[in-house]
Amino acid sequence: MKITLPDKIIIERKIQPSVIRDILKSLDINPSSVIVAKNGNIVPDDVIIEDADELKIIAFAHGG
């Protein structure tokens, strides 16, 4: 699986089918602080991901 992190670093990982939330936790990323695109589509963190999928993790930006 190819994962693009918020800082644009790309990592490759072999995974068993997992939910996005578990993948984020394994990367020490708080699921409530990001949104995730699976194969180009924004999806919730309870979607199952397989090794052939591609994830892009997008950090929220906010200001005041």
PDB file of N, CA and C in Angstrom:
ATOM      1  N   MET A   1       0.837  -1.167   0.000  1.00  0.00           N
ATOM      2  CA  MET A   1       0.000   0.000   0.000  1.00  0.00           C
ATOM      3  C   MET A   1       0.881   1.228   0.000  1.00  0.00           C
ATOM      4  N   LYS A   2       0.441   2.233  -0.738  1.00  0.00           N
ATOM      5  CA  LYS A   2       1.148   3.516  -0.785  1.00  0.00           C
ATOM      6  C   LYS A   2       0.377   4.507   0.082  1.00  0.00           C
ATOM      7  N   ILE A   3       1.088   5.165   1.002  1.00  0.00           N
ATOM      8  CA  ILE A   3       0.474   6.136   1.901  1.00  0.00           C
ATOM      9  C   ILE A   3       1.212   7.466   1.762  1.00  0.00           C
ATOM     10  N   THR A   4       0.464   8.527   1.441  1.00  0.00           N
ATOM     11  CA  THR A   4       1.035   9.869   1.396  1.00  0.00           C
ATOM     12  C   THR A   4       0.668  10.575   2.691  1.00  0.00           C
ATOM     13  N   LEU A   5       1.679  10.953   3.459  1.00  0.00           N
ATOM     14  CA  LEU A   5       1.475  11.611   4.751  1.00  0.00           C
ATOM     15  C   LEU A   5       1.226  13.106   4.561  1.00  0.00           C
ATOM     16  N   PRO A   6       0.705  13.787   5.596  1.00  0.00           N
ATOM     17  CA  PRO A   6       0.416  15.223   5.472  1.00  0.00           C
ATOM     18  C   PRO A   6       1.618  16.070   5.060  1.00  0.00           C
ATOM     19  N   ASP A   7       2.823  15.650   5.423  1.00  0.00           N
ATOM     20  CA  ASP A   7       4.018  16.425   5.056  1.00  0.00           C
ATOM     21  C   ASP A   7       4.579  16.018   3.690  1.00  0.00           C
ATOM     22  N   LYS A   8       3.759  15.333   2.901  1.00  0.00           N
ATOM     23  CA  LYS A   8       4.069  14.910   1.525  1.00  0.00           C
ATOM     24  C   LYS A   8       5.068  13.759   1.438  1.00  0.00           C
ATOM     25  N   ILE A   9       5.468  13.189   2.563  1.00  0.00           N
ATOM     26  CA  ILE A   9       6.324  12.007   2.538  1.00  0.00           C
ATOM     27  C   ILE A   9       5.469  10.818   2.108  1.00  0.00           C
ATOM     28  N   ILE A  10       6.008   9.998   1.228  1.00  0.00           N
ATOM     29  CA  ILE A  10       5.292   8.820   0.747  1.00  0.00           C
ATOM     30  C   ILE A  10       5.971   7.585   1.327  1.00  0.00           C
ATOM     31  N   ILE A  11       5.151   6.714   1.925  1.00  0.00           N
ATOM     32  CA  ILE A  11       5.685   5.463   2.452  1.00  0.00           C
ATOM     33  C   ILE A  11       4.949   4.301   1.798  1.00  0.00           C
ATOM     34  N   GLU A  12       5.624   3.176   1.710  1.00  0.00           N
ATOM     35  CA  GLU A  12       5.032   1.940   1.202  1.00  0.00           C
ATOM     36  C   GLU A  12       4.973   0.963   2.367  1.00  0.00           C
ATOM     37  N   ARG A  13       3.835   0.289   2.499  1.00  0.00           N
ATOM     38  CA  ARG A  13       3.653  -0.681   3.578  1.00  0.00           C
ATOM     39  C   ARG A  13       2.839  -1.851   3.078  1.00  0.00           C
ATOM     40  N   LYS A  14       3.217  -3.050   3.480  1.00  0.00           N
ATOM     41  CA  LYS A  14       2.396  -4.232   3.233  1.00  0.00           C
ATOM     42  C   LYS A  14       1.418  -4.334   4.396  1.00  0.00           C
ATOM     43  N   ILE A  15       0.136  -4.496   4.093  1.00  0.00           N
ATOM     44  CA  ILE A  15      -0.854  -4.590   5.166  1.00  0.00           C
ATOM     45  C   ILE A  15      -1.834  -5.717   4.899  1.00  0.00           C
ATOM     46  N   GLN A  16      -2.441  -6.199   5.945  1.00  0.00           N
ATOM     47  CA  GLN A  16      -3.603  -7.069   5.859  1.00  0.00           C
ATOM     48  C   GLN A  16      -4.812  -6.148   5.805  1.00  0.00           C
ATOM     49  N   PRO A  17      -5.957  -6.594   5.300  1.00  0.00           N
ATOM     50  CA  PRO A  17      -7.136  -5.711   5.318  1.00  0.00           C
ATOM     51  C   PRO A  17      -7.358  -5.145   6.722  1.00  0.00           C
ATOM     52  N   SER A  18      -7.488  -3.828   6.804  1.00  0.00           N
ATOM     53  CA  SER A  18      -7.628  -3.107   8.075  1.00  0.00           C
ATOM     54  C   SER A  18      -8.534  -1.912   7.870  1.00  0.00           C
ATOM     55  N   VAL A  19      -9.071  -1.382   8.970  1.00  0.00           N
ATOM     56  CA  VAL A  19      -9.814  -0.130   8.860  1.00  0.00           C
ATOM     57  C   VAL A  19      -8.818   1.027   8.925  1.00  0.00           C
ATOM     58  N   ILE A  20      -9.179   2.128   8.289  1.00  0.00           N
ATOM     59  CA  ILE A  20      -8.295   3.294   8.226  1.00  0.00           C
ATOM     60  C   ILE A  20      -7.875   3.747   9.617  1.00  0.00           C
ATOM     61  N   ARG A  21      -8.805   3.744  10.553  1.00  0.00           N
ATOM     62  CA  ARG A  21      -8.519   4.189  11.927  1.00  0.00           C
ATOM     63  C   ARG A  21      -7.308   3.443  12.500  1.00  0.00           C
ATOM     64  N   ASP A  22      -7.238   2.122  12.270  1.00  0.00           N
ATOM     65  CA  ASP A  22      -6.126   1.329  12.801  1.00  0.00           C
ATOM     66  C   ASP A  22      -4.808   1.662  12.108  1.00  0.00           C
ATOM     67  N   ILE A  23      -4.871   1.938  10.815  1.00  0.00           N
ATOM     68  CA  ILE A  23      -3.660   2.323  10.087  1.00  0.00           C
ATOM     69  C   ILE A  23      -3.144   3.659  10.616  1.00  0.00           C
ATOM     70  N   LEU A  24      -4.058   4.612  10.828  1.00  0.00           N
ATOM     71  CA  LEU A  24      -3.653   5.915  11.363  1.00  0.00           C
ATOM     72  C   LEU A  24      -3.003   5.762  12.735  1.00  0.00           C
ATOM     73  N   LYS A  25      -3.606   4.951  13.590  1.00  0.00           N
ATOM     74  CA  LYS A  25      -3.036   4.742  14.927  1.00  0.00           C
ATOM     75  C   LYS A  25      -1.649   4.113  14.846  1.00  0.00           C
ATOM     76  N   SER A  26      -1.443   3.194  13.892  1.00  0.00           N
ATOM     77  CA  SER A  26      -0.125   2.566  13.749  1.00  0.00           C
ATOM     78  C   SER A  26       0.932   3.570  13.290  1.00  0.00           C
ATOM     79  N   LEU A  27       0.481   4.662  12.674  1.00  0.00           N
ATOM     80  CA  LEU A  27       1.387   5.728  12.231  1.00  0.00           C
ATOM     81  C   LEU A  27       1.483   6.865  13.254  1.00  0.00           C
ATOM     82  N   ASP A  28       0.876   6.670  14.435  1.00  0.00           N
ATOM     83  CA  ASP A  28       0.826   7.696  15.489  1.00  0.00           C
ATOM     84  C   ASP A  28       0.148   8.973  15.015  1.00  0.00           C
ATOM     85  N   ILE A  29      -0.931   8.808  14.237  1.00  0.00           N
ATOM     86  CA  ILE A  29      -1.723   9.939  13.753  1.00  0.00           C
ATOM     87  C   ILE A  29      -3.095   9.860  14.399  1.00  0.00           C
ATOM     88  N   ASN A  30      -3.528  10.952  15.015  1.00  0.00           N
ATOM     89  CA  ASN A  30      -4.841  11.025  15.641  1.00  0.00           C
ATOM     90  C   ASN A  30      -5.907  11.056  14.542  1.00  0.00           C
ATOM     91  N   PRO A  31      -6.794  10.050  14.470  1.00  0.00           N
ATOM     92  CA  PRO A  31      -7.802  10.009  13.412  1.00  0.00           C
ATOM     93  C   PRO A  31      -8.709  11.237  13.362  1.00  0.00           C
ATOM     94  N   SER A  32      -8.898  11.914  14.483  1.00  0.00           N
ATOM     95  CA  SER A  32      -9.782  13.084  14.477  1.00  0.00           C
ATOM     96  C   SER A  32      -9.083  14.353  13.985  1.00  0.00           C
ATOM     97  N   SER A  33      -7.779  14.269  13.688  1.00  0.00           N
ATOM     98  CA  SER A  33      -7.050  15.457  13.236  1.00  0.00           C
ATOM     99  C   SER A  33      -6.783  15.467  11.733  1.00  0.00           C
ATOM    100  N   VAL A  34      -7.263  14.437  11.026  1.00  0.00           N
ATOM    101  CA  VAL A  34      -7.003  14.330   9.587  1.00  0.00           C
ATOM    102  C   VAL A  34      -8.244  13.838   8.849  1.00  0.00           C
ATOM    103  N   ILE A  35      -8.212  14.009   7.533  1.00  0.00           N
ATOM    104  CA  ILE A  35      -9.162  13.318   6.667  1.00  0.00           C
ATOM    105  C   ILE A  35      -8.330  12.429   5.751  1.00  0.00           C
ATOM    106  N   VAL A  36      -8.965  11.390   5.224  1.00  0.00           N
ATOM    107  CA  VAL A  36      -8.229  10.418   4.426  1.00  0.00           C
ATOM    108  C   VAL A  36      -8.931  10.206   3.095  1.00  0.00           C
ATOM    109  N   ALA A  37      -8.125  10.190   2.037  1.00  0.00           N
ATOM    110  CA  ALA A  37      -8.630   9.849   0.707  1.00  0.00           C
ATOM    111  C   ALA A  37      -8.134   8.446   0.367  1.00  0.00           C
ATOM    112  N   LYS A  38      -9.067   7.586  -0.007  1.00  0.00           N
ATOM    113  CA  LYS A  38      -8.745   6.227  -0.460  1.00  0.00           C
ATOM    114  C   LYS A  38      -8.914   6.214  -1.971  1.00  0.00           C
ATOM    115  N   ASN A  39      -7.846   5.968  -2.680  1.00  0.00           N
ATOM    116  CA  ASN A  39      -7.882   5.929  -4.148  1.00  0.00           C
ATOM    117  C   ASN A  39      -8.530   7.184  -4.726  1.00  0.00           C
ATOM    118  N   GLY A  40      -8.246   8.340  -4.087  1.00  0.00           N
ATOM    119  CA  GLY A  40      -8.714   9.623  -4.595  1.00  0.00           C
ATOM    120  C   GLY A  40     -10.055  10.095  -4.076  1.00  0.00           C
ATOM    121  N   ASN A  41     -10.735   9.294  -3.252  1.00  0.00           N
ATOM    122  CA  ASN A  41     -12.043   9.673  -2.710  1.00  0.00           C
ATOM    123  C   ASN A  41     -11.977   9.788  -1.194  1.00  0.00           C
ATOM    124  N   ILE A  42     -12.505  10.893  -0.641  1.00  0.00           N
ATOM    125  CA  ILE A  42     -12.544  11.083   0.812  1.00  0.00           C
ATOM    126  C   ILE A  42     -13.470  10.029   1.415  1.00  0.00           C
ATOM    127  N   VAL A  43     -12.985   9.348   2.459  1.00  0.00           N
ATOM    128  CA  VAL A  43     -13.749   8.276   3.094  1.00  0.00           C
ATOM    129  C   VAL A  43     -13.672   8.410   4.615  1.00  0.00           C
ATOM    130  N   PRO A  44     -14.657   7.847   5.353  1.00  0.00           N
ATOM    131  CA  PRO A  44     -14.595   7.859   6.819  1.00  0.00           C
ATOM    132  C   PRO A  44     -13.519   6.889   7.323  1.00  0.00           C
ATOM    133  N   ASP A  45     -13.152   7.034   8.596  1.00  0.00           N
ATOM    134  CA  ASP A  45     -12.049   6.231   9.126  1.00  0.00           C
ATOM    135  C   ASP A  45     -12.423   4.797   9.486  1.00  0.00           C
ATOM    136  N   ASP A  46     -13.673   4.392   9.216  1.00  0.00           N
ATOM    137  CA  ASP A  46     -14.052   3.005   9.471  1.00  0.00           C
ATOM    138  C   ASP A  46     -14.108   2.165   8.191  1.00  0.00           C
ATOM    139  N   VAL A  47     -13.627   2.720   7.082  1.00  0.00           N
ATOM    140  CA  VAL A  47     -13.592   2.009   5.808  1.00  0.00           C
ATOM    141  C   VAL A  47     -12.424   1.021   5.817  1.00  0.00           C
ATOM    142  N   ILE A  48     -12.654  -0.154   5.233  1.00  0.00           N
ATOM    143  CA  ILE A  48     -11.605  -1.170   5.159  1.00  0.00           C
ATOM    144  C   ILE A  48     -10.666  -0.864   3.995  1.00  0.00           C
ATOM    145  N   ILE A  49      -9.376  -0.975   4.276  1.00  0.00           N
ATOM    146  CA  ILE A  49      -8.320  -0.730   3.298  1.00  0.00           C
ATOM    147  C   ILE A  49      -7.606  -2.049   3.028  1.00  0.00           C
ATOM    148  N   GLU A  50      -7.252  -2.266   1.764  1.00  0.00           N
ATOM    149  CA  GLU A  50      -6.491  -3.454   1.393  1.00  0.00           C
ATOM    150  C   GLU A  50      -5.143  -3.034   0.824  1.00  0.00           C
ATOM    151  N   ASP A  51      -4.253  -3.987   0.665  1.00  0.00           N
ATOM    152  CA  ASP A  51      -2.883  -3.682   0.267  1.00  0.00           C
ATOM    153  C   ASP A  51      -2.790  -2.967  -1.083  1.00  0.00           C
ATOM    154  N   ALA A  52      -3.725  -3.204  -1.989  1.00  0.00           N
ATOM    155  CA  ALA A  52      -3.684  -2.578  -3.318  1.00  0.00           C
ATOM    156  C   ALA A  52      -4.172  -1.128  -3.307  1.00  0.00           C
ATOM    157  N   ASP A  53      -4.755  -0.670  -2.197  1.00  0.00           N
ATOM    158  CA  ASP A  53      -5.293   0.690  -2.120  1.00  0.00           C
ATOM    159  C   ASP A  53      -4.180   1.720  -1.932  1.00  0.00           C
ATOM    160  N   GLU A  54      -4.529   2.967  -2.229  1.00  0.00           N
ATOM    161  CA  GLU A  54      -3.621   4.092  -2.027  1.00  0.00           C
ATOM    162  C   GLU A  54      -4.311   5.095  -1.114  1.00  0.00           C
ATOM    163  N   LEU A  55      -3.616   5.524  -0.059  1.00  0.00           N
ATOM    164  CA  LEU A  55      -4.169   6.487   0.894  1.00  0.00           C
ATOM    165  C   LEU A  55      -3.427   7.807   0.820  1.00  0.00           C
ATOM    166  N   LYS A  56      -4.174   8.877   0.964  1.00  0.00           N
ATOM    167  CA  LYS A  56      -3.574  10.203   1.132  1.00  0.00           C
ATOM    168  C   LYS A  56      -4.160  10.769   2.416  1.00  0.00           C
ATOM    169  N   ILE A  57      -3.290  11.108   3.359  1.00  0.00           N
ATOM    170  CA  ILE A  57      -3.707  11.636   4.651  1.00  0.00           C
ATOM    171  C   ILE A  57      -3.551  13.149   4.605  1.00  0.00           C
ATOM    172  N   ILE A  58      -4.638  13.851   4.903  1.00  0.00           N
ATOM    173  CA  ILE A  58      -4.672  15.309   4.787  1.00  0.00           C
ATOM    174  C   ILE A  58      -4.943  15.902   6.164  1.00  0.00           C
ATOM    175  N   ALA A  59      -4.033  16.754   6.636  1.00  0.00           N
ATOM    176  CA  ALA A  59      -4.193  17.393   7.944  1.00  0.00           C
ATOM    177  C   ALA A  59      -5.144  18.579   7.828  1.00  0.00           C
ATOM    178  N   PHE A  60      -5.942  18.784   8.875  1.00  0.00           N
ATOM    179  CA  PHE A  60      -6.807  19.958   8.938  1.00  0.00           C
ATOM    180  C   PHE A  60      -5.953  21.193   9.173  1.00  0.00           C
ATOM    181  N   ALA A  61      -6.293  22.270   8.517  1.00  0.00           N
ATOM    182  CA  ALA A  61      -5.642  23.556   8.767  1.00  0.00           C
ATOM    183  C   ALA A  61      -6.718  24.519   9.248  1.00  0.00           C
ATOM    184  N   HIS A  62      -6.453  25.187  10.352  1.00  0.00           N
ATOM    185  CA  HIS A  62      -7.439  26.141  10.864  1.00  0.00           C
ATOM    186  C   HIS A  62      -6.710  27.327  11.480  1.00  0.00           C
ATOM    187  N   GLY A  63      -7.389  28.381  11.558  1.00  0.00           N
ATOM    188  CA  GLY A  63      -6.804  29.587  12.134  1.00  0.00           C
ATOM    189  C   GLY A  63      -7.895  30.454  12.724  1.00  0.00           C
ATOM    190  N   GLY A  64      -7.506  31.575  13.205  1.00  0.00           N
ATOM    191  CA  GLY A  64      -8.522  32.387  13.824  1.00  0.00           C
ATOM    192  C   GLY A  64      -8.288  33.851  13.671  1.00  0.00           C
TER     193      GLY A  64
END
